[in-house]
Amino acid sequence: MTAGYFCEDCEVSIWPAAPRSELAWLKDRIHVVREVTRHSQGGLDIWMADGLTFLEEHRDHSVLVVTKS
């Protein structure tokens, strides 16, 4: 199964290469990830950067962590 984010308001989804538990962690702790990004010289893993971008673009929307087979 592949996990991703789905914005209910825009009906848009992305499928970063990360397990569901990691995507849920990122969504629940986005404030921490933002702060780490500001102070990180090495950057984030690609799935984190993609997820953060998606969550920022849909900040005030209803975003779910979903799976597909």
C-alpha atoms as a PDB file:
ATOM      1  CA  MET A   1       0.000   0.000   0.000  1.00  0.00           C
ATOM      2  CA  THR A   2       1.077   3.546  -0.743  1.00  0.00           C
ATOM      3  CA  ALA A   3       0.326   6.379   1.662  1.00  0.00           C
ATOM      4  CA  GLY A   4      -0.214  10.019   0.829  1.00  0.00           C
ATOM      5  CA  TYR A   5      -2.045  13.234   1.625  1.00  0.00           C
ATOM      6  CA  PHE A   6      -5.462  14.192   0.275  1.00  0.00           C
ATOM      7  CA  CYS A   7      -6.920  17.697   0.499  1.00  0.00           C
ATOM      8  CA  GLU A   8     -10.688  17.379   0.802  1.00  0.00           C
ATOM      9  CA  ASP A   9     -11.233  21.036  -0.143  1.00  0.00           C
ATOM     10  CA  CYS A  10      -9.225  20.960  -3.395  1.00  0.00           C
ATOM     11  CA  GLU A  11      -9.569  17.228  -4.130  1.00  0.00           C
ATOM     12  CA  VAL A  12      -5.811  17.026  -4.759  1.00  0.00           C
ATOM     13  CA  SER A  13      -3.457  14.346  -3.483  1.00  0.00           C
ATOM     14  CA  ILE A  14       0.269  13.589  -3.402  1.00  0.00           C
ATOM     15  CA  TRP A  15       2.054  10.313  -2.731  1.00  0.00           C
ATOM     16  CA  PRO A  16       5.460  10.941  -1.096  1.00  0.00           C
ATOM     17  CA  ALA A  17       7.747   7.919  -0.732  1.00  0.00           C
ATOM     18  CA  ALA A  18       7.189   7.406   2.995  1.00  0.00           C
ATOM     19  CA  PRO A  19       5.129   5.107   5.213  1.00  0.00           C
ATOM     20  CA  ARG A  20       1.741   6.228   6.529  1.00  0.00           C
ATOM     21  CA  SER A  21       3.120   6.585  10.065  1.00  0.00           C
ATOM     22  CA  GLU A  22       5.810   9.021   8.868  1.00  0.00           C
ATOM     23  CA  LEU A  23       3.269  11.098   6.920  1.00  0.00           C
ATOM     24  CA  ALA A  24       0.987  11.241   9.962  1.00  0.00           C
ATOM     25  CA  TRP A  25       3.979  12.290  12.089  1.00  0.00           C
ATOM     26  CA  LEU A  26       4.821  15.112   9.656  1.00  0.00           C
ATOM     27  CA  LYS A  27       1.206  16.319   9.520  1.00  0.00           C
ATOM     28  CA  ASP A  28       0.883  16.285  13.326  1.00  0.00           C
ATOM     29  CA  ARG A  29       4.209  18.030  13.894  1.00  0.00           C
ATOM     30  CA  ILE A  30       4.397  20.458  10.992  1.00  0.00           C
ATOM     31  CA  HIS A  31       5.402  23.285  13.340  1.00  0.00           C
ATOM     32  CA  VAL A  32       8.509  21.299  14.376  1.00  0.00           C
ATOM     33  CA  VAL A  33       9.419  20.517  10.765  1.00  0.00           C
ATOM     34  CA  ARG A  34       9.119  24.202   9.815  1.00  0.00           C
ATOM     35  CA  GLU A  35      11.533  25.092  12.596  1.00  0.00           C
ATOM     36  CA  VAL A  36      14.013  22.349  11.639  1.00  0.00           C
ATOM     37  CA  THR A  37      13.913  23.568   8.031  1.00  0.00           C
ATOM     38  CA  ARG A  38      14.934  27.057   9.118  1.00  0.00           C
ATOM     39  CA  HIS A  39      18.001  25.744  10.954  1.00  0.00           C
ATOM     40  CA  SER A  40      19.014  22.818   8.754  1.00  0.00           C
ATOM     41  CA  GLN A  41      21.996  23.150   6.454  1.00  0.00           C
ATOM     42  CA  GLY A  42      21.603  19.704   4.892  1.00  0.00           C
ATOM     43  CA  GLY A  43      17.942  20.091   3.972  1.00  0.00           C
ATOM     44  CA  LEU A  44      15.120  17.643   4.511  1.00  0.00           C
ATOM     45  CA  ASP A  45      14.520  14.228   3.010  1.00  0.00           C
ATOM     46  CA  ILE A  46      12.637  14.589  -0.269  1.00  0.00           C
ATOM     47  CA  TRP A  47       9.433  13.063   1.109  1.00  0.00           C
ATOM     48  CA  MET A  48       9.500  15.553   3.986  1.00  0.00           C
ATOM     49  CA  ALA A  49      10.082  18.521   1.702  1.00  0.00           C
ATOM     50  CA  ASP A  50       7.279  17.392  -0.633  1.00  0.00           C
ATOM     51  CA  GLY A  51       4.928  16.774   2.282  1.00  0.00           C
ATOM     52  CA  LEU A  52       5.754  20.099   3.906  1.00  0.00           C
ATOM     53  CA  THR A  53       5.136  21.945   0.640  1.00  0.00           C
ATOM     54  CA  PHE A  54       1.760  20.223   0.191  1.00  0.00           C
ATOM     55  CA  LEU A  55       0.705  20.887   3.786  1.00  0.00           C
ATOM     56  CA  GLU A  56       1.754  24.542   3.516  1.00  0.00           C
ATOM     57  CA  GLU A  57      -0.217  24.986   0.269  1.00  0.00           C
ATOM     58  CA  HIS A  58      -3.313  23.489   1.923  1.00  0.00           C
ATOM     59  CA  ARG A  59      -2.732  24.992   5.380  1.00  0.00           C
ATOM     60  CA  ASP A  60      -6.357  25.908   6.204  1.00  0.00           C
ATOM     61  CA  HIS A  61      -7.907  22.957   4.396  1.00  0.00           C
ATOM     62  CA  SER A  62      -9.006  19.551   5.587  1.00  0.00           C
ATOM     63  CA  VAL A  63      -6.031  17.296   4.764  1.00  0.00           C
ATOM     64  CA  LEU A  64      -6.159  13.554   5.391  1.00  0.00           C
ATOM     65  CA  VAL A  65      -3.462  10.912   5.408  1.00  0.00           C
ATOM     66  CA  VAL A  66      -4.761   8.252   2.991  1.00  0.00           C
ATOM     67  CA  THR A  67      -3.633   4.964   1.454  1.00  0.00           C
ATOM     68  CA  LYS A  68      -4.085   3.335  -1.925  1.00  0.00           C
ATOM     69  CA  SER A  69      -3.266  -0.141  -3.129  1.00  0.00           C
END
